[in-house]
Amino acid sequence: MPYVNIKITKEGNVTREQKAALIKGATQLLVDVLHKNPASTVVIIDEVDTDNWGLGGLPILEARKKNKK
């Protein structure tokens, strides 16, 4: 049983429809590439608060500001 965990920052911008598209797309990718059964493929989307997400040693909001420069 394939298990896919998608983690995104929780910023209130991701709609229910977008999440459904991510689930469908991830499932289809496993079907196409690995010939997995979609009925037994699990996809979980975790929304992580930006205070709990870091990149390059910085909280994500600071890292984004730094990378824009």
PDB file of N, CA and C in Angstrom:
ATOM      1  N   MET A   1       0.846  -1.172   0.000  1.00  0.00           N
ATOM      2  CA  MET A   1       0.000   0.000   0.000  1.00  0.00           C
ATOM      3  C   MET A   1       0.894   1.238   0.000  1.00  0.00           C
ATOM      4  N   PRO A   2       0.944   1.994  -1.086  1.00  0.00           N
ATOM      5  CA  PRO A   2       1.730   3.218  -1.119  1.00  0.00           C
ATOM      6  C   PRO A   2       1.148   4.267  -0.176  1.00  0.00           C
ATOM      7  N   TYR A   3       2.048   5.015   0.412  1.00  0.00           N
ATOM      8  CA  TYR A   3       1.682   6.083   1.338  1.00  0.00           C
ATOM      9  C   TYR A   3       2.460   7.330   0.934  1.00  0.00           C
ATOM     10  N   VAL A   4       1.759   8.404   0.640  1.00  0.00           N
ATOM     11  CA  VAL A   4       2.379   9.663   0.253  1.00  0.00           C
ATOM     12  C   VAL A   4       1.990  10.712   1.283  1.00  0.00           C
ATOM     13  N   ASN A   5       2.986  11.448   1.786  1.00  0.00           N
ATOM     14  CA  ASN A   5       2.724  12.505   2.744  1.00  0.00           C
ATOM     15  C   ASN A   5       3.192  13.813   2.128  1.00  0.00           C
ATOM     16  N   ILE A   6       2.260  14.705   1.863  1.00  0.00           N
ATOM     17  CA  ILE A   6       2.557  16.025   1.307  1.00  0.00           C
ATOM     18  C   ILE A   6       2.480  17.022   2.443  1.00  0.00           C
ATOM     19  N   LYS A   7       3.544  17.783   2.629  1.00  0.00           N
ATOM     20  CA  LYS A   7       3.571  18.799   3.676  1.00  0.00           C
ATOM     21  C   LYS A   7       3.654  20.163   3.014  1.00  0.00           C
ATOM     22  N   ILE A   8       2.758  21.042   3.433  1.00  0.00           N
ATOM     23  CA  ILE A   8       2.731  22.409   2.926  1.00  0.00           C
ATOM     24  C   ILE A   8       2.593  23.360   4.110  1.00  0.00           C
ATOM     25  N   THR A   9       3.016  24.607   3.906  1.00  0.00           N
ATOM     26  CA  THR A   9       2.832  25.570   4.985  1.00  0.00           C
ATOM     27  C   THR A   9       1.362  25.946   5.089  1.00  0.00           C
ATOM     28  N   LYS A  10       0.945  26.138   6.310  1.00  0.00           N
ATOM     29  CA  LYS A  10      -0.450  26.483   6.593  1.00  0.00           C
ATOM     30  C   LYS A  10      -0.593  27.996   6.543  1.00  0.00           C
ATOM     31  N   GLU A  11      -1.023  28.467   5.403  1.00  0.00           N
ATOM     32  CA  GLU A  11      -1.155  29.912   5.236  1.00  0.00           C
ATOM     33  C   GLU A  11      -2.551  30.286   4.764  1.00  0.00           C
ATOM     34  N   GLY A  12      -3.472  29.347   4.811  1.00  0.00           N
ATOM     35  CA  GLY A  12      -4.850  29.644   4.485  1.00  0.00           C
ATOM     36  C   GLY A  12      -5.148  29.839   3.020  1.00  0.00           C
ATOM     37  N   ASN A  13      -4.183  29.541   2.162  1.00  0.00           N
ATOM     38  CA  ASN A  13      -4.371  29.786   0.743  1.00  0.00           C
ATOM     39  C   ASN A  13      -4.772  28.545  -0.054  1.00  0.00           C
ATOM     40  N   VAL A  14      -4.658  27.374   0.534  1.00  0.00           N
ATOM     41  CA  VAL A  14      -4.915  26.142  -0.203  1.00  0.00           C
ATOM     42  C   VAL A  14      -6.386  25.755  -0.043  1.00  0.00           C
ATOM     43  N   THR A  15      -7.073  25.676  -1.168  1.00  0.00           N
ATOM     44  CA  THR A  15      -8.500  25.361  -1.138  1.00  0.00           C
ATOM     45  C   THR A  15      -8.740  23.860  -1.079  1.00  0.00           C
ATOM     46  N   ARG A  16      -9.946  23.501  -0.757  1.00  0.00           N
ATOM     47  CA  ARG A  16     -10.353  22.102  -0.754  1.00  0.00           C
ATOM     48  C   ARG A  16     -10.157  21.483  -2.141  1.00  0.00           C
ATOM     49  N   GLU A  17     -10.466  22.259  -3.174  1.00  0.00           N
ATOM     50  CA  GLU A  17     -10.323  21.781  -4.550  1.00  0.00           C
ATOM     51  C   GLU A  17      -8.850  21.543  -4.900  1.00  0.00           C
ATOM     52  N   GLN A  18      -7.978  22.415  -4.443  1.00  0.00           N
ATOM     53  CA  GLN A  18      -6.547  22.233  -4.692  1.00  0.00           C
ATOM     54  C   GLN A  18      -6.018  20.992  -3.977  1.00  0.00           C
ATOM     55  N   LYS A  19      -6.478  20.777  -2.754  1.00  0.00           N
ATOM     56  CA  LYS A  19      -6.057  19.580  -2.026  1.00  0.00           C
ATOM     57  C   LYS A  19      -6.548  18.321  -2.738  1.00  0.00           C
ATOM     58  N   ALA A  20      -7.772  18.350  -3.234  1.00  0.00           N
ATOM     59  CA  ALA A  20      -8.301  17.202  -3.976  1.00  0.00           C
ATOM     60  C   ALA A  20      -7.454  16.953  -5.221  1.00  0.00           C
ATOM     61  N   ALA A  21      -7.018  18.025  -5.889  1.00  0.00           N
ATOM     62  CA  ALA A  21      -6.174  17.876  -7.077  1.00  0.00           C
ATOM     63  C   ALA A  21      -4.813  17.282  -6.717  1.00  0.00           C
ATOM     64  N   LEU A  22      -4.245  17.689  -5.577  1.00  0.00           N
ATOM     65  CA  LEU A  22      -2.981  17.106  -5.123  1.00  0.00           C
ATOM     66  C   LEU A  22      -3.132  15.614  -4.847  1.00  0.00           C
ATOM     67  N   ILE A  23      -4.207  15.244  -4.180  1.00  0.00           N
ATOM     68  CA  ILE A  23      -4.458  13.829  -3.867  1.00  0.00           C
ATOM     69  C   ILE A  23      -4.611  13.022  -5.155  1.00  0.00           C
ATOM     70  N   LYS A  24      -5.406  13.536  -6.072  1.00  0.00           N
ATOM     71  CA  LYS A  24      -5.625  12.853  -7.346  1.00  0.00           C
ATOM     72  C   LYS A  24      -4.315  12.734  -8.135  1.00  0.00           C
ATOM     73  N   GLY A  25      -3.569  13.832  -8.196  1.00  0.00           N
ATOM     74  CA  GLY A  25      -2.329  13.836  -8.960  1.00  0.00           C
ATOM     75  C   GLY A  25      -1.267  12.914  -8.393  1.00  0.00           C
ATOM     76  N   ALA A  26      -1.102  12.912  -7.074  1.00  0.00           N
ATOM     77  CA  ALA A  26      -0.119  12.033  -6.437  1.00  0.00           C
ATOM     78  C   ALA A  26      -0.491  10.575  -6.648  1.00  0.00           C
ATOM     79  N   THR A  27      -1.768  10.291  -6.527  1.00  0.00           N
ATOM     80  CA  THR A  27      -2.240   8.919  -6.752  1.00  0.00           C
ATOM     81  C   THR A  27      -1.976   8.498  -8.190  1.00  0.00           C
ATOM     82  N   GLN A  28      -2.306   9.365  -9.140  1.00  0.00           N
ATOM     83  CA  GLN A  28      -2.113   9.031 -10.553  1.00  0.00           C
ATOM     84  C   GLN A  28      -0.636   8.854 -10.893  1.00  0.00           C
ATOM     85  N   LEU A  29       0.226   9.633 -10.268  1.00  0.00           N
ATOM     86  CA  LEU A  29       1.664   9.490 -10.486  1.00  0.00           C
ATOM     87  C   LEU A  29       2.137   8.093 -10.089  1.00  0.00           C
ATOM     88  N   LEU A  30       1.670   7.604  -8.946  1.00  0.00           N
ATOM     89  CA  LEU A  30       2.048   6.256  -8.504  1.00  0.00           C
ATOM     90  C   LEU A  30       1.481   5.188  -9.428  1.00  0.00           C
ATOM     91  N   VAL A  31       0.294   5.426  -9.957  1.00  0.00           N
ATOM     92  CA  VAL A  31      -0.291   4.501 -10.925  1.00  0.00           C
ATOM     93  C   VAL A  31       0.561   4.475 -12.197  1.00  0.00           C
ATOM     94  N   ASP A  32       0.886   5.651 -12.713  1.00  0.00           N
ATOM     95  CA  ASP A  32       1.619   5.756 -13.977  1.00  0.00           C
ATOM     96  C   ASP A  32       3.050   5.252 -13.898  1.00  0.00           C
ATOM     97  N   VAL A  33       3.753   5.593 -12.825  1.00  0.00           N
ATOM     98  CA  VAL A  33       5.174   5.274 -12.726  1.00  0.00           C
ATOM     99  C   VAL A  33       5.430   3.897 -12.135  1.00  0.00           C
ATOM    100  N   LEU A  34       4.711   3.564 -11.076  1.00  0.00           N
ATOM    101  CA  LEU A  34       4.976   2.311 -10.357  1.00  0.00           C
ATOM    102  C   LEU A  34       3.889   1.263 -10.534  1.00  0.00           C
ATOM    103  N   HIS A  35       2.861   1.598 -11.303  1.00  0.00           N
ATOM    104  CA  HIS A  35       1.740   0.678 -11.565  1.00  0.00           C
ATOM    105  C   HIS A  35       1.048   0.228 -10.272  1.00  0.00           C
ATOM    106  N   LYS A  36       0.899   1.181  -9.349  1.00  0.00           N
ATOM    107  CA  LYS A  36       0.241   0.884  -8.075  1.00  0.00           C
ATOM    108  C   LYS A  36      -1.269   0.977  -8.226  1.00  0.00           C
ATOM    109  N   ASN A  37      -1.950   0.255  -7.369  1.00  0.00           N
ATOM    110  CA  ASN A  37      -3.406   0.244  -7.352  1.00  0.00           C
ATOM    111  C   ASN A  37      -3.900   1.518  -6.667  1.00  0.00           C
ATOM    112  N   PRO A  38      -4.656   2.360  -7.362  1.00  0.00           N
ATOM    113  CA  PRO A  38      -5.117   3.596  -6.731  1.00  0.00           C
ATOM    114  C   PRO A  38      -6.031   3.360  -5.533  1.00  0.00           C
ATOM    115  N   ALA A  39      -6.719   2.241  -5.522  1.00  0.00           N
ATOM    116  CA  ALA A  39      -7.636   1.941  -4.416  1.00  0.00           C
ATOM    117  C   ALA A  39      -6.898   1.700  -3.102  1.00  0.00           C
ATOM    118  N   SER A  40      -5.611   1.368  -3.193  1.00  0.00           N
ATOM    119  CA  SER A  40      -4.859   1.114  -1.963  1.00  0.00           C
ATOM    120  C   SER A  40      -3.779   2.174  -1.728  1.00  0.00           C
ATOM    121  N   THR A  41      -3.851   3.277  -2.440  1.00  0.00           N
ATOM    122  CA  THR A  41      -2.877   4.353  -2.290  1.00  0.00           C
ATOM    123  C   THR A  41      -3.419   5.400  -1.312  1.00  0.00           C
ATOM    124  N   VAL A  42      -2.617   5.695  -0.316  1.00  0.00           N
ATOM    125  CA  VAL A  42      -2.997   6.659   0.715  1.00  0.00           C
ATOM    126  C   VAL A  42      -2.223   7.956   0.484  1.00  0.00           C
ATOM    127  N   VAL A  43      -2.916   9.084   0.494  1.00  0.00           N
ATOM    128  CA  VAL A  43      -2.273  10.391   0.380  1.00  0.00           C
ATOM    129  C   VAL A  43      -2.744  11.241   1.556  1.00  0.00           C
ATOM    130  N   ILE A  44      -1.783  11.752   2.301  1.00  0.00           N
ATOM    131  CA  ILE A  44      -2.060  12.607   3.452  1.00  0.00           C
ATOM    132  C   ILE A  44      -1.469  13.983   3.167  1.00  0.00           C
ATOM    133  N   ILE A  45      -2.233  15.031   3.431  1.00  0.00           N
ATOM    134  CA  ILE A  45      -1.725  16.392   3.314  1.00  0.00           C
ATOM    135  C   ILE A  45      -1.658  16.988   4.714  1.00  0.00           C
ATOM    136  N   ASP A  46      -0.448  17.345   5.124  1.00  0.00           N
ATOM    137  CA  ASP A  46      -0.249  18.008   6.412  1.00  0.00           C
ATOM    138  C   ASP A  46       0.006  19.481   6.156  1.00  0.00           C
ATOM    139  N   GLU A  47      -0.739  20.329   6.839  1.00  0.00           N
ATOM    140  CA  GLU A  47      -0.503  21.763   6.772  1.00  0.00           C
ATOM    141  C   GLU A  47       0.260  22.163   8.031  1.00  0.00           C
ATOM    142  N   VAL A  48       1.454  22.683   7.843  1.00  0.00           N
ATOM    143  CA  VAL A  48       2.346  23.007   8.943  1.00  0.00           C
ATOM    144  C   VAL A  48       2.366  24.520   9.152  1.00  0.00           C
ATOM    145  N   ASP A  49       2.209  24.947  10.384  1.00  0.00           N
ATOM    146  CA  ASP A  49       2.274  26.364  10.704  1.00  0.00           C
ATOM    147  C   ASP A  49       3.641  26.912  10.309  1.00  0.00           C
ATOM    148  N   THR A  50       3.682  28.107   9.782  1.00  0.00           N
ATOM    149  CA  THR A  50       4.947  28.672   9.324  1.00  0.00           C
ATOM    150  C   THR A  50       5.973  28.813  10.453  1.00  0.00           C
ATOM    151  N   ASP A  51       5.520  28.910  11.693  1.00  0.00           N
ATOM    152  CA  ASP A  51       6.454  28.955  12.827  1.00  0.00           C
ATOM    153  C   ASP A  51       7.177  27.627  13.006  1.00  0.00           C
ATOM    154  N   ASN A  52       6.637  26.556  12.444  1.00  0.00           N
ATOM    155  CA  ASN A  52       7.205  25.215  12.588  1.00  0.00           C
ATOM    156  C   ASN A  52       7.887  24.724  11.319  1.00  0.00           C
ATOM    157  N   TRP A  53       8.190  25.637  10.405  1.00  0.00           N
ATOM    158  CA  TRP A  53       8.788  25.271   9.118  1.00  0.00           C
ATOM    159  C   TRP A  53      10.036  26.112   8.939  1.00  0.00           C
ATOM    160  N   GLY A  54      11.148  25.457   8.648  1.00  0.00           N
ATOM    161  CA  GLY A  54      12.386  26.189   8.472  1.00  0.00           C
ATOM    162  C   GLY A  54      13.083  25.802   7.181  1.00  0.00           C
ATOM    163  N   LEU A  55      13.935  26.704   6.702  1.00  0.00           N
ATOM    164  CA  LEU A  55      14.709  26.467   5.487  1.00  0.00           C
ATOM    165  C   LEU A  55      16.045  27.173   5.632  1.00  0.00           C
ATOM    166  N   GLY A  56      17.113  26.449   5.446  1.00  0.00           N
ATOM    167  CA  GLY A  56      18.436  27.056   5.529  1.00  0.00           C
ATOM    168  C   GLY A  56      18.772  27.623   6.896  1.00  0.00           C
ATOM    169  N   GLY A  57      18.225  27.039   7.921  1.00  0.00           N
ATOM    170  CA  GLY A  57      18.509  27.491   9.281  1.00  0.00           C
ATOM    171  C   GLY A  57      17.650  28.648   9.754  1.00  0.00           C
ATOM    172  N   LEU A  58      16.675  29.023   8.936  1.00  0.00           N
ATOM    173  CA  LEU A  58      15.806  30.146   9.292  1.00  0.00           C
ATOM    174  C   LEU A  58      14.346  29.720   9.259  1.00  0.00           C
ATOM    175  N   PRO A  59      13.506  30.374  10.084  1.00  0.00           N
ATOM    176  CA  PRO A  59      12.071  30.155   9.925  1.00  0.00           C
ATOM    177  C   PRO A  59      11.678  30.522   8.495  1.00  0.00           C
ATOM    178  N   ILE A  60      10.705  29.842   7.936  1.00  0.00           N
ATOM    179  CA  ILE A  60      10.382  29.972   6.515  1.00  0.00           C
ATOM    180  C   ILE A  60      10.075  31.403   6.088  1.00  0.00           C
ATOM    181  N   LEU A  61       9.384  32.181   6.909  1.00  0.00           N
ATOM    182  CA  LEU A  61       9.067  33.552   6.509  1.00  0.00           C
ATOM    183  C   LEU A  61      10.335  34.405   6.388  1.00  0.00           C
ATOM    184  N   GLU A  62      11.309  34.190   7.286  1.00  0.00           N
ATOM    185  CA  GLU A  62      12.586  34.898   7.190  1.00  0.00           C
ATOM    186  C   GLU A  62      13.381  34.417   5.984  1.00  0.00           C
ATOM    187  N   ALA A  63      13.364  33.119   5.744  1.00  0.00           N
ATOM    188  CA  ALA A  63      14.096  32.560   4.597  1.00  0.00           C
ATOM    189  C   ALA A  63      13.544  33.113   3.283  1.00  0.00           C
ATOM    190  N   ARG A  64      12.240  33.247   3.194  1.00  0.00           N
ATOM    191  CA  ARG A  64      11.635  33.803   1.981  1.00  0.00           C
ATOM    192  C   ARG A  64      12.082  35.244   1.757  1.00  0.00           C
ATOM    193  N   LYS A  65      12.108  36.039   2.842  1.00  0.00           N
ATOM    194  CA  LYS A  65      12.545  37.429   2.726  1.00  0.00           C
ATOM    195  C   LYS A  65      13.996  37.499   2.266  1.00  0.00           C
ATOM    196  N   LYS A  66      14.835  36.640   2.837  1.00  0.00           N
ATOM    197  CA  LYS A  66      16.260  36.615   2.494  1.00  0.00           C
ATOM    198  C   LYS A  66      16.435  36.212   1.028  1.00  0.00           C
ATOM    199  N   ASN A  67      15.683  35.236   0.557  1.00  0.00           N
ATOM    200  CA  ASN A  67      15.821  34.740  -0.803  1.00  0.00           C
ATOM    201  C   ASN A  67      15.295  35.720  -1.853  1.00  0.00           C
ATOM    202  N   LYS A  68      14.460  36.667  -1.438  1.00  0.00           N
ATOM    203  CA  LYS A  68      13.945  37.669  -2.377  1.00  0.00           C
ATOM    204  C   LYS A  68      15.018  38.714  -2.700  1.00  0.00           C
ATOM    205  N   LYS A  69      15.984  38.855  -1.823  1.00  0.00           N
ATOM    206  CA  LYS A  69      17.025  39.888  -1.990  1.00  0.00           C
ATOM    207  C   LYS A  69      18.020  39.490  -3.039  1.00  0.00           C
TER     208      LYS A  69
END
